[in-house]
Amino acid sequence: MRITNPTKDLSRRLRSSGVGPRGVFLATMAATGALILVNPWPDHLLMPAITTLLFVLALVFALVAWVRCSTDEYDVTYWDVAGAVVLIGIGASVLIEPEQLAGFVARQNTQH
């Protein structure tokens, strides 16, 4: 009787279809760029929203990597993608002006 790991089979199928850690990273960066271009939030909330989105996506990718237990040291894994997205999120958080967050928090406190 042959014993297989279904997550490895799924991983192979996803990689062969073009979706995988590299595709997910590309989609994340494309979505971030589209949000910057479309800018659905007020200007002072754009960078805090993008930074929050990047950190949440990094958490999701880390959870996916943890569940999949991928240890391929010669290929890009979801751990790599999660780390790269965190690094980009930290870089985006540097661009947030303190007045933007202070004004946002002050507005939230006056509404309650």
PDB file of N, CA and C in Angstrom:
ATOM      1  N   MET A   1       0.844  -1.170   0.000  1.00  0.00           N
ATOM      2  CA  MET A   1       0.000   0.000   0.000  1.00  0.00           C
ATOM      3  C   MET A   1       0.893   1.238   0.000  1.00  0.00           C
ATOM      4  N   ARG A   2       0.570   2.173  -0.849  1.00  0.00           N
ATOM      5  CA  ARG A   2       1.341   3.404  -0.968  1.00  0.00           C
ATOM      6  C   ARG A   2       0.745   4.482  -0.071  1.00  0.00           C
ATOM      7  N   ILE A   3       1.595   5.148   0.679  1.00  0.00           N
ATOM      8  CA  ILE A   3       1.146   6.235   1.552  1.00  0.00           C
ATOM      9  C   ILE A   3       1.653   7.536   0.941  1.00  0.00           C
ATOM     10  N   THR A   4       0.749   8.481   0.746  1.00  0.00           N
ATOM     11  CA  THR A   4       1.128   9.765   0.165  1.00  0.00           C
ATOM     12  C   THR A   4       0.675  10.895   1.074  1.00  0.00           C
ATOM     13  N   ASN A   5       1.297  12.007   0.877  1.00  0.00           N
ATOM     14  CA  ASN A   5       0.921  13.215   1.599  1.00  0.00           C
ATOM     15  C   ASN A   5       0.056  14.057   0.666  1.00  0.00           C
ATOM     16  N   PRO A   6      -1.240  14.211   0.976  1.00  0.00           N
ATOM     17  CA  PRO A   6      -2.114  14.932   0.041  1.00  0.00           C
ATOM     18  C   PRO A   6      -1.717  16.390  -0.150  1.00  0.00           C
ATOM     19  N   THR A   7      -1.064  17.013   0.849  1.00  0.00           N
ATOM     20  CA  THR A   7      -0.676  18.411   0.666  1.00  0.00           C
ATOM     21  C   THR A   7       0.455  18.537  -0.344  1.00  0.00           C
ATOM     22  N   LYS A   8       1.332  17.533  -0.417  1.00  0.00           N
ATOM     23  CA  LYS A   8       2.387  17.577  -1.428  1.00  0.00           C
ATOM     24  C   LYS A   8       1.806  17.418  -2.824  1.00  0.00           C
ATOM     25  N   ASP A   9       0.807  16.543  -2.961  1.00  0.00           N
ATOM     26  CA  ASP A   9       0.151  16.392  -4.260  1.00  0.00           C
ATOM     27  C   ASP A   9      -0.542  17.689  -4.667  1.00  0.00           C
ATOM     28  N   LEU A  10      -1.225  18.327  -3.732  1.00  0.00           N
ATOM     29  CA  LEU A  10      -1.884  19.603  -4.003  1.00  0.00           C
ATOM     30  C   LEU A  10      -0.851  20.659  -4.358  1.00  0.00           C
ATOM     31  N   SER A  11       0.258  20.660  -3.627  1.00  0.00           N
ATOM     32  CA  SER A  11       1.315  21.625  -3.898  1.00  0.00           C
ATOM     33  C   SER A  11       1.864  21.452  -5.309  1.00  0.00           C
ATOM     34  N   ARG A  12       2.062  20.215  -5.734  1.00  0.00           N
ATOM     35  CA  ARG A  12       2.541  19.971  -7.103  1.00  0.00           C
ATOM     36  C   ARG A  12       1.535  20.445  -8.135  1.00  0.00           C
ATOM     37  N   ARG A  13       0.255  20.183  -7.878  1.00  0.00           N
ATOM     38  CA  ARG A  13      -0.774  20.611  -8.830  1.00  0.00           C
ATOM     39  C   ARG A  13      -0.851  22.131  -8.908  1.00  0.00           C
ATOM     40  N   LEU A  14      -0.751  22.806  -7.751  1.00  0.00           N
ATOM     41  CA  LEU A  14      -0.807  24.266  -7.756  1.00  0.00           C
ATOM     42  C   LEU A  14       0.403  24.856  -8.467  1.00  0.00           C
ATOM     43  N   ARG A  15       1.574  24.279  -8.245  1.00  0.00           N
ATOM     44  CA  ARG A  15       2.766  24.788  -8.920  1.00  0.00           C
ATOM     45  C   ARG A  15       2.674  24.586 -10.425  1.00  0.00           C
ATOM     46  N   SER A  16       2.157  23.442 -10.850  1.00  0.00           N
ATOM     47  CA  SER A  16       2.055  23.190 -12.283  1.00  0.00           C
ATOM     48  C   SER A  16       1.018  24.092 -12.936  1.00  0.00           C
ATOM     49  N   SER A  17       0.030  24.562 -12.165  1.00  0.00           N
ATOM     50  CA  SER A  17      -0.977  25.460 -12.727  1.00  0.00           C
ATOM     51  C   SER A  17      -0.523  26.919 -12.686  1.00  0.00           C
ATOM     52  N   GLY A  18       0.664  27.178 -12.121  1.00  0.00           N
ATOM     53  CA  GLY A  18       1.177  28.538 -12.069  1.00  0.00           C
ATOM     54  C   GLY A  18       0.866  29.259 -10.779  1.00  0.00           C
ATOM     55  N   VAL A  19       0.045  28.661  -9.923  1.00  0.00           N
ATOM     56  CA  VAL A  19      -0.264  29.270  -8.640  1.00  0.00           C
ATOM     57  C   VAL A  19       0.614  28.595  -7.602  1.00  0.00           C
ATOM     58  N   GLY A  20       1.176  29.367  -6.755  1.00  0.00           N
ATOM     59  CA  GLY A  20       2.061  28.872  -5.716  1.00  0.00           C
ATOM     60  C   GLY A  20       2.611  30.075  -4.989  1.00  0.00           C
ATOM     61  N   PRO A  21       3.687  29.898  -4.251  1.00  0.00           N
ATOM     62  CA  PRO A  21       4.238  31.036  -3.521  1.00  0.00           C
ATOM     63  C   PRO A  21       4.611  32.209  -4.425  1.00  0.00           C
ATOM     64  N   ARG A  22       5.193  31.913  -5.565  1.00  0.00           N
ATOM     65  CA  ARG A  22       5.573  33.012  -6.472  1.00  0.00           C
ATOM     66  C   ARG A  22       4.352  33.723  -7.042  1.00  0.00           C
ATOM     67  N   GLY A  23       3.339  32.959  -7.421  1.00  0.00           N
ATOM     68  CA  GLY A  23       2.115  33.557  -7.947  1.00  0.00           C
ATOM     69  C   GLY A  23       1.375  34.360  -6.898  1.00  0.00           C
ATOM     70  N   VAL A  24       1.365  33.855  -5.669  1.00  0.00           N
ATOM     71  CA  VAL A  24       0.706  34.560  -4.573  1.00  0.00           C
ATOM     72  C   VAL A  24       1.432  35.869  -4.281  1.00  0.00           C
ATOM     73  N   PHE A  25       2.763  35.844  -4.296  1.00  0.00           N
ATOM     74  CA  PHE A  25       3.527  37.064  -4.063  1.00  0.00           C
ATOM     75  C   PHE A  25       3.264  38.082  -5.163  1.00  0.00           C
ATOM     76  N   LEU A  26       3.259  37.627  -6.394  1.00  0.00           N
ATOM     77  CA  LEU A  26       2.985  38.522  -7.521  1.00  0.00           C
ATOM     78  C   LEU A  26       1.581  39.122  -7.410  1.00  0.00           C
ATOM     79  N   ALA A  27       0.601  38.305  -7.040  1.00  0.00           N
ATOM     80  CA  ALA A  27      -0.768  38.804  -6.888  1.00  0.00           C
ATOM     81  C   ALA A  27      -0.867  39.815  -5.745  1.00  0.00           C
ATOM     82  N   THR A  28      -0.153  39.569  -4.667  1.00  0.00           N
ATOM     83  CA  THR A  28      -0.167  40.499  -3.539  1.00  0.00           C
ATOM     84  C   THR A  28       0.425  41.846  -3.936  1.00  0.00           C
ATOM     85  N   MET A  29       1.537  41.824  -4.646  1.00  0.00           N
ATOM     86  CA  MET A  29       2.160  43.086  -5.057  1.00  0.00           C
ATOM     87  C   MET A  29       1.303  43.810  -6.098  1.00  0.00           C
ATOM     88  N   ALA A  30       0.649  43.054  -6.980  1.00  0.00           N
ATOM     89  CA  ALA A  30      -0.235  43.679  -7.967  1.00  0.00           C
ATOM     90  C   ALA A  30      -1.449  44.308  -7.279  1.00  0.00           C
ATOM     91  N   ALA A  31      -2.004  43.621  -6.298  1.00  0.00           N
ATOM     92  CA  ALA A  31      -3.158  44.173  -5.570  1.00  0.00           C
ATOM     93  C   ALA A  31      -2.761  45.411  -4.778  1.00  0.00           C
ATOM     94  N   THR A  32      -1.571  45.397  -4.187  1.00  0.00           N
ATOM     95  CA  THR A  32      -1.100  46.574  -3.449  1.00  0.00           C
ATOM     96  C   THR A  32      -0.906  47.757  -4.391  1.00  0.00           C
ATOM     97  N   GLY A  33      -0.305  47.509  -5.536  1.00  0.00           N
ATOM     98  CA  GLY A  33      -0.135  48.576  -6.525  1.00  0.00           C
ATOM     99  C   GLY A  33      -1.460  49.110  -7.025  1.00  0.00           C
ATOM    100  N   ALA A  34      -2.424  48.214  -7.232  1.00  0.00           N
ATOM    101  CA  ALA A  34      -3.749  48.653  -7.683  1.00  0.00           C
ATOM    102  C   ALA A  34      -4.429  49.503  -6.613  1.00  0.00           C
ATOM    103  N   LEU A  35      -4.284  49.131  -5.344  1.00  0.00           N
ATOM    104  CA  LEU A  35      -4.871  49.943  -4.270  1.00  0.00           C
ATOM    105  C   LEU A  35      -4.247  51.327  -4.217  1.00  0.00           C
ATOM    106  N   ILE A  36      -2.951  51.396  -4.451  1.00  0.00           N
ATOM    107  CA  ILE A  36      -2.297  52.708  -4.446  1.00  0.00           C
ATOM    108  C   ILE A  36      -2.814  53.552  -5.606  1.00  0.00           C
ATOM    109  N   LEU A  37      -3.006  52.940  -6.769  1.00  0.00           N
ATOM    110  CA  LEU A  37      -3.488  53.692  -7.928  1.00  0.00           C
ATOM    111  C   LEU A  37      -4.953  54.094  -7.792  1.00  0.00           C
ATOM    112  N   VAL A  38      -5.782  53.196  -7.293  1.00  0.00           N
ATOM    113  CA  VAL A  38      -7.216  53.472  -7.172  1.00  0.00           C
ATOM    114  C   VAL A  38      -7.498  54.374  -5.979  1.00  0.00           C
ATOM    115  N   ASN A  39      -6.819  54.137  -4.863  1.00  0.00           N
ATOM    116  CA  ASN A  39      -6.940  54.918  -3.629  1.00  0.00           C
ATOM    117  C   ASN A  39      -8.393  55.070  -3.177  1.00  0.00           C
ATOM    118  N   PRO A  40      -9.012  53.982  -2.687  1.00  0.00           N
ATOM    119  CA  PRO A  40     -10.411  54.059  -2.265  1.00  0.00           C
ATOM    120  C   PRO A  40     -10.615  54.741  -0.920  1.00  0.00           C
ATOM    121  N   TRP A  41      -9.540  55.052  -0.208  1.00  0.00           N
ATOM    122  CA  TRP A  41      -9.640  55.691   1.101  1.00  0.00           C
ATOM    123  C   TRP A  41      -9.218  57.146   1.002  1.00  0.00           C
ATOM    124  N   PRO A  42      -9.527  57.952   2.008  1.00  0.00           N
ATOM    125  CA  PRO A  42      -8.970  59.311   2.032  1.00  0.00           C
ATOM    126  C   PRO A  42      -7.437  59.244   2.049  1.00  0.00           C
ATOM    127  N   ASP A  43      -6.806  60.299   1.567  1.00  0.00           N
ATOM    128  CA  ASP A  43      -5.345  60.288   1.413  1.00  0.00           C
ATOM    129  C   ASP A  43      -4.606  59.977   2.707  1.00  0.00           C
ATOM    130  N   HIS A  44      -5.103  60.474   3.830  1.00  0.00           N
ATOM    131  CA  HIS A  44      -4.387  60.264   5.088  1.00  0.00           C
ATOM    132  C   HIS A  44      -4.532  58.826   5.615  1.00  0.00           C
ATOM    133  N   LEU A  45      -5.424  58.038   5.035  1.00  0.00           N
ATOM    134  CA  LEU A  45      -5.607  56.650   5.468  1.00  0.00           C
ATOM    135  C   LEU A  45      -5.003  55.632   4.511  1.00  0.00           C
ATOM    136  N   LEU A  46      -4.475  56.083   3.380  1.00  0.00           N
ATOM    137  CA  LEU A  46      -3.984  55.154   2.367  1.00  0.00           C
ATOM    138  C   LEU A  46      -2.838  54.285   2.890  1.00  0.00           C
ATOM    139  N   MET A  47      -1.775  54.888   3.382  1.00  0.00           N
ATOM    140  CA  MET A  47      -0.630  54.101   3.831  1.00  0.00           C
ATOM    141  C   MET A  47      -0.939  53.260   5.068  1.00  0.00           C
ATOM    142  N   PRO A  48      -1.677  53.773   6.073  1.00  0.00           N
ATOM    143  CA  PRO A  48      -2.035  52.878   7.181  1.00  0.00           C
ATOM    144  C   PRO A  48      -2.869  51.678   6.725  1.00  0.00           C
ATOM    145  N   ALA A  49      -3.772  51.878   5.774  1.00  0.00           N
ATOM    146  CA  ALA A  49      -4.598  50.772   5.283  1.00  0.00           C
ATOM    147  C   ALA A  49      -3.756  49.755   4.515  1.00  0.00           C
ATOM    148  N   ILE A  50      -2.854  50.224   3.679  1.00  0.00           N
ATOM    149  CA  ILE A  50      -2.002  49.317   2.913  1.00  0.00           C
ATOM    150  C   ILE A  50      -1.069  48.553   3.838  1.00  0.00           C
ATOM    151  N   THR A  51      -0.508  49.248   4.829  1.00  0.00           N
ATOM    152  CA  THR A  51       0.368  48.578   5.782  1.00  0.00           C
ATOM    153  C   THR A  51      -0.379  47.493   6.550  1.00  0.00           C
ATOM    154  N   THR A  52      -1.585  47.810   6.999  1.00  0.00           N
ATOM    155  CA  THR A  52      -2.389  46.821   7.709  1.00  0.00           C
ATOM    156  C   THR A  52      -2.706  45.638   6.808  1.00  0.00           C
ATOM    157  N   LEU A  53      -3.065  45.913   5.568  1.00  0.00           N
ATOM    158  CA  LEU A  53      -3.358  44.845   4.615  1.00  0.00           C
ATOM    159  C   LEU A  53      -2.140  43.948   4.391  1.00  0.00           C
ATOM    160  N   LEU A  54      -0.968  44.531   4.264  1.00  0.00           N
ATOM    161  CA  LEU A  54       0.243  43.738   4.057  1.00  0.00           C
ATOM    162  C   LEU A  54       0.545  42.855   5.261  1.00  0.00           C
ATOM    163  N   PHE A  55       0.375  43.392   6.466  1.00  0.00           N
ATOM    164  CA  PHE A  55       0.639  42.584   7.660  1.00  0.00           C
ATOM    165  C   PHE A  55      -0.379  41.455   7.807  1.00  0.00           C
ATOM    166  N   VAL A  56      -1.630  41.714   7.465  1.00  0.00           N
ATOM    167  CA  VAL A  56      -2.650  40.655   7.539  1.00  0.00           C
ATOM    168  C   VAL A  56      -2.360  39.571   6.504  1.00  0.00           C
ATOM    169  N   LEU A  57      -1.987  39.967   5.299  1.00  0.00           N
ATOM    170  CA  LEU A  57      -1.639  38.981   4.272  1.00  0.00           C
ATOM    171  C   LEU A  57      -0.407  38.177   4.668  1.00  0.00           C
ATOM    172  N   ALA A  58       0.570  38.828   5.292  1.00  0.00           N
ATOM    173  CA  ALA A  58       1.751  38.100   5.758  1.00  0.00           C
ATOM    174  C   ALA A  58       1.366  37.062   6.805  1.00  0.00           C
ATOM    175  N   LEU A  59       0.432  37.410   7.677  1.00  0.00           N
ATOM    176  CA  LEU A  59      -0.051  36.449   8.660  1.00  0.00           C
ATOM    177  C   LEU A  59      -0.728  35.267   7.978  1.00  0.00           C
ATOM    178  N   VAL A  60      -1.547  35.535   6.984  1.00  0.00           N
ATOM    179  CA  VAL A  60      -2.223  34.463   6.254  1.00  0.00           C
ATOM    180  C   VAL A  60      -1.196  33.556   5.569  1.00  0.00           C
ATOM    181  N   PHE A  61      -0.185  34.140   4.935  1.00  0.00           N
ATOM    182  CA  PHE A  61       0.829  33.335   4.250  1.00  0.00           C
ATOM    183  C   PHE A  61       1.642  32.518   5.249  1.00  0.00           C
ATOM    184  N   ALA A  62       1.918  33.079   6.423  1.00  0.00           N
ATOM    185  CA  ALA A  62       2.638  32.324   7.450  1.00  0.00           C
ATOM    186  C   ALA A  62       1.798  31.154   7.948  1.00  0.00           C
ATOM    187  N   LEU A  63       0.502  31.363   8.100  1.00  0.00           N
ATOM    188  CA  LEU A  63      -0.367  30.258   8.514  1.00  0.00           C
ATOM    189  C   LEU A  63      -0.428  29.164   7.448  1.00  0.00           C
ATOM    190  N   VAL A  64      -0.491  29.570   6.192  1.00  0.00           N
ATOM    191  CA  VAL A  64      -0.482  28.587   5.096  1.00  0.00           C
ATOM    192  C   VAL A  64       0.837  27.813   5.110  1.00  0.00           C
ATOM    193  N   ALA A  65       1.942  28.510   5.305  1.00  0.00           N
ATOM    194  CA  ALA A  65       3.244  27.837   5.346  1.00  0.00           C
ATOM    195  C   ALA A  65       3.333  26.882   6.526  1.00  0.00           C
ATOM    196  N   TRP A  66       2.784  27.287   7.648  1.00  0.00           N
ATOM    197  CA  TRP A  66       2.820  26.447   8.844  1.00  0.00           C
ATOM    198  C   TRP A  66       1.995  25.174   8.645  1.00  0.00           C
ATOM    199  N   VAL A  67       0.829  25.320   8.019  1.00  0.00           N
ATOM    200  CA  VAL A  67      -0.029  24.157   7.781  1.00  0.00           C
ATOM    201  C   VAL A  67       0.605  23.215   6.765  1.00  0.00           C
ATOM    202  N   ARG A  68       1.227  23.769   5.756  1.00  0.00           N
ATOM    203  CA  ARG A  68       1.800  22.944   4.684  1.00  0.00           C
ATOM    204  C   ARG A  68       3.129  22.313   5.072  1.00  0.00           C
ATOM    205  N   CYS A  69       3.816  22.849   6.067  1.00  0.00           N
ATOM    206  CA  CYS A  69       5.116  22.317   6.510  1.00  0.00           C
ATOM    207  C   CYS A  69       6.095  22.198   5.357  1.00  0.00           C
ATOM    208  N   SER A  70       6.157  23.198   4.531  1.00  0.00           N
ATOM    209  CA  SER A  70       7.049  23.177   3.377  1.00  0.00           C
ATOM    210  C   SER A  70       8.476  23.465   3.826  1.00  0.00           C
ATOM    211  N   THR A  71       9.387  22.592   3.461  1.00  0.00           N
ATOM    212  CA  THR A  71      10.789  22.758   3.845  1.00  0.00           C
ATOM    213  C   THR A  71      11.720  22.698   2.645  1.00  0.00           C
ATOM    214  N   ASP A  72      11.224  23.007   1.472  1.00  0.00           N
ATOM    215  CA  ASP A  72      12.057  22.970   0.268  1.00  0.00           C
ATOM    216  C   ASP A  72      13.058  24.113   0.331  1.00  0.00           C
ATOM    217  N   GLU A  73      14.322  23.775   0.536  1.00  0.00           N
ATOM    218  CA  GLU A  73      15.317  24.824   0.735  1.00  0.00           C
ATOM    219  C   GLU A  73      15.833  25.421  -0.561  1.00  0.00           C
ATOM    220  N   TYR A  74      15.469  24.844  -1.702  1.00  0.00           N
ATOM    221  CA  TYR A  74      15.969  25.346  -2.974  1.00  0.00           C
ATOM    222  C   TYR A  74      14.910  26.065  -3.805  1.00  0.00           C
ATOM    223  N   ASP A  75      13.734  26.213  -3.267  1.00  0.00           N
ATOM    224  CA  ASP A  75      12.657  26.876  -3.997  1.00  0.00           C
ATOM    225  C   ASP A  75      11.987  27.882  -3.075  1.00  0.00           C
ATOM    226  N   VAL A  76      11.236  28.780  -3.641  1.00  0.00           N
ATOM    227  CA  VAL A  76      10.511  29.784  -2.866  1.00  0.00           C
ATOM    228  C   VAL A  76       9.357  29.092  -2.144  1.00  0.00           C
ATOM    229  N   THR A  77       9.215  29.367  -0.854  1.00  0.00           N
ATOM    230  CA  THR A  77       8.137  28.786  -0.065  1.00  0.00           C
ATOM    231  C   THR A  77       7.233  29.898   0.443  1.00  0.00           C
ATOM    232  N   TYR A  78       6.138  29.503   1.059  1.00  0.00           N
ATOM    233  CA  TYR A  78       5.245  30.492   1.650  1.00  0.00           C
ATOM    234  C   TYR A  78       5.901  31.209   2.822  1.00  0.00           C
ATOM    235  N   TRP A  79       6.860  30.569   3.488  1.00  0.00           N
ATOM    236  CA  TRP A  79       7.611  31.268   4.535  1.00  0.00           C
ATOM    237  C   TRP A  79       8.376  32.443   3.928  1.00  0.00           C
ATOM    238  N   ASP A  80       8.961  32.235   2.768  1.00  0.00           N
ATOM    239  CA  ASP A  80       9.691  33.305   2.090  1.00  0.00           C
ATOM    240  C   ASP A  80       8.758  34.451   1.710  1.00  0.00           C
ATOM    241  N   VAL A  81       7.594  34.089   1.212  1.00  0.00           N
ATOM    242  CA  VAL A  81       6.619  35.109   0.808  1.00  0.00           C
ATOM    243  C   VAL A  81       6.145  35.896   2.028  1.00  0.00           C
ATOM    244  N   ALA A  82       5.857  35.203   3.122  1.00  0.00           N
ATOM    245  CA  ALA A  82       5.420  35.890   4.340  1.00  0.00           C
ATOM    246  C   ALA A  82       6.496  36.852   4.837  1.00  0.00           C
ATOM    247  N   GLY A  83       7.742  36.423   4.815  1.00  0.00           N
ATOM    248  CA  GLY A  83       8.834  37.293   5.243  1.00  0.00           C
ATOM    249  C   GLY A  83       9.000  38.503   4.343  1.00  0.00           C
ATOM    250  N   ALA A  84       8.893  38.291   3.038  1.00  0.00           N
ATOM    251  CA  ALA A  84       9.023  39.413   2.096  1.00  0.00           C
ATOM    252  C   ALA A  84       7.886  40.410   2.265  1.00  0.00           C
ATOM    253  N   VAL A  85       6.670  39.920   2.480  1.00  0.00           N
ATOM    254  CA  VAL A  85       5.526  40.818   2.648  1.00  0.00           C
ATOM    255  C   VAL A  85       5.648  41.590   3.963  1.00  0.00           C
ATOM    256  N   VAL A  86       6.158  40.954   5.020  1.00  0.00           N
ATOM    257  CA  VAL A  86       6.391  41.677   6.278  1.00  0.00           C
ATOM    258  C   VAL A  86       7.429  42.774   6.060  1.00  0.00           C
ATOM    259  N   LEU A  87       8.507  42.455   5.354  1.00  0.00           N
ATOM    260  CA  LEU A  87       9.545  43.446   5.088  1.00  0.00           C
ATOM    261  C   LEU A  87       8.990  44.628   4.293  1.00  0.00           C
ATOM    262  N   ILE A  88       8.178  44.352   3.292  1.00  0.00           N
ATOM    263  CA  ILE A  88       7.567  45.429   2.506  1.00  0.00           C
ATOM    264  C   ILE A  88       6.584  46.221   3.372  1.00  0.00           C
ATOM    265  N   GLY A  89       5.846  45.528   4.253  1.00  0.00           N
ATOM    266  CA  GLY A  89       4.930  46.218   5.171  1.00  0.00           C
ATOM    267  C   GLY A  89       5.663  47.137   6.125  1.00  0.00           C
ATOM    268  N   ILE A  90       6.824  46.696   6.602  1.00  0.00           N
ATOM    269  CA  ILE A  90       7.621  47.561   7.483  1.00  0.00           C
ATOM    270  C   ILE A  90       8.095  48.789   6.709  1.00  0.00           C
ATOM    271  N   GLY A  91       8.516  48.578   5.471  1.00  0.00           N
ATOM    272  CA  GLY A  91       8.922  49.712   4.643  1.00  0.00           C
ATOM    273  C   GLY A  91       7.773  50.674   4.394  1.00  0.00           C
ATOM    274  N   ALA A  92       6.578  50.143   4.191  1.00  0.00           N
ATOM    275  CA  ALA A  92       5.415  51.007   3.984  1.00  0.00           C
ATOM    276  C   ALA A  92       5.052  51.740   5.271  1.00  0.00           C
ATOM    277  N   SER A  93       5.255  51.098   6.414  1.00  0.00           N
ATOM    278  CA  SER A  93       4.905  51.759   7.675  1.00  0.00           C
ATOM    279  C   SER A  93       5.833  52.930   7.972  1.00  0.00           C
ATOM    280  N   VAL A  94       7.035  52.897   7.418  1.00  0.00           N
ATOM    281  CA  VAL A  94       7.955  54.019   7.598  1.00  0.00           C
ATOM    282  C   VAL A  94       7.419  55.270   6.909  1.00  0.00           C
ATOM    283  N   LEU A  95       6.639  55.079   5.859  1.00  0.00           N
ATOM    284  CA  LEU A  95       6.112  56.215   5.097  1.00  0.00           C
ATOM    285  C   LEU A  95       4.904  56.878   5.745  1.00  0.00           C
ATOM    286  N   ILE A  96       4.402  56.307   6.830  1.00  0.00           N
ATOM    287  CA  ILE A  96       3.237  56.885   7.512  1.00  0.00           C
ATOM    288  C   ILE A  96       3.702  58.045   8.376  1.00  0.00           C
ATOM    289  N   GLU A  97       3.069  59.170   8.181  1.00  0.00           N
ATOM    290  CA  GLU A  97       3.373  60.341   9.006  1.00  0.00           C
ATOM    291  C   GLU A  97       2.675  60.197  10.361  1.00  0.00           C
ATOM    292  N   PRO A  98       3.311  60.609  11.438  1.00  0.00           N
ATOM    293  CA  PRO A  98       2.677  60.500  12.761  1.00  0.00           C
ATOM    294  C   PRO A  98       1.360  61.270  12.854  1.00  0.00           C
ATOM    295  N   GLU A  99       1.270  62.377  12.138  1.00  0.00           N
ATOM    296  CA  GLU A  99       0.034  63.168  12.171  1.00  0.00           C
ATOM    297  C   GLU A  99      -1.137  62.401  11.571  1.00  0.00           C
ATOM    298  N   GLN A 100      -0.851  61.553  10.592  1.00  0.00           N
ATOM    299  CA  GLN A 100      -1.914  60.756   9.975  1.00  0.00           C
ATOM    300  C   GLN A 100      -2.553  59.834  10.996  1.00  0.00           C
ATOM    301  N   LEU A 101      -1.737  59.123  11.748  1.00  0.00           N
ATOM    302  CA  LEU A 101      -2.279  58.201  12.743  1.00  0.00           C
ATOM    303  C   LEU A 101      -2.884  58.940  13.925  1.00  0.00           C
ATOM    304  N   ALA A 102      -2.248  60.040  14.346  1.00  0.00           N
ATOM    305  CA  ALA A 102      -2.788  60.802  15.479  1.00  0.00           C
ATOM    306  C   ALA A 102      -4.157  61.373  15.129  1.00  0.00           C
ATOM    307  N   GLY A 103      -4.303  61.906  13.921  1.00  0.00           N
ATOM    308  CA  GLY A 103      -5.600  62.423  13.502  1.00  0.00           C
ATOM    309  C   GLY A 103      -6.647  61.333  13.389  1.00  0.00           C
ATOM    310  N   PHE A 104      -6.251  60.171  12.903  1.00  0.00           N
ATOM    311  CA  PHE A 104      -7.180  59.051  12.780  1.00  0.00           C
ATOM    312  C   PHE A 104      -7.645  58.579  14.147  1.00  0.00           C
ATOM    313  N   VAL A 105      -6.730  58.445  15.085  1.00  0.00           N
ATOM    314  CA  VAL A 105      -7.088  57.997  16.439  1.00  0.00           C
ATOM    315  C   VAL A 105      -7.941  59.045  17.134  1.00  0.00           C
ATOM    316  N   ALA A 106      -7.625  60.323  16.969  1.00  0.00           N
ATOM    317  CA  ALA A 106      -8.412  61.387  17.599  1.00  0.00           C
ATOM    318  C   ALA A 106      -9.834  61.394  17.047  1.00  0.00           C
ATOM    319  N   ARG A 107      -9.987  61.194  15.744  1.00  0.00           N
ATOM    320  CA  ARG A 107     -11.323  61.137  15.153  1.00  0.00           C
ATOM    321  C   ARG A 107     -12.117  59.944  15.667  1.00  0.00           C
ATOM    322  N   GLN A 108     -11.447  58.819  15.833  1.00  0.00           N
ATOM    323  CA  GLN A 108     -12.127  57.619  16.353  1.00  0.00           C
ATOM    324  C   GLN A 108     -12.591  57.825  17.777  1.00  0.00           C
ATOM    325  N   ASN A 109     -11.803  58.521  18.587  1.00  0.00           N
ATOM    326  CA  ASN A 109     -12.175  58.746  19.983  1.00  0.00           C
ATOM    327  C   ASN A 109     -13.328  59.734  20.123  1.00  0.00           C
ATOM    328  N   THR A 110     -13.442  60.699  19.229  1.00  0.00           N
ATOM    329  CA  THR A 110     -14.525  61.676  19.310  1.00  0.00           C
ATOM    330  C   THR A 110     -15.843  61.094  18.796  1.00  0.00           C
ATOM    331  N   GLN A 111     -15.789  60.052  17.975  1.00  0.00           N
ATOM    332  CA  GLN A 111     -17.003  59.454  17.449  1.00  0.00           C
ATOM    333  C   GLN A 111     -17.678  58.557  18.470  1.00  0.00           C
ATOM    334  N   HIS A 112     -16.972  58.090  19.487  1.00  0.00           N
ATOM    335  CA  HIS A 112     -17.556  57.169  20.473  1.00  0.00           C
ATOM    336  C   HIS A 112     -18.063  57.908  21.657  1.00  0.00           C
TER     337      HIS A 112
END
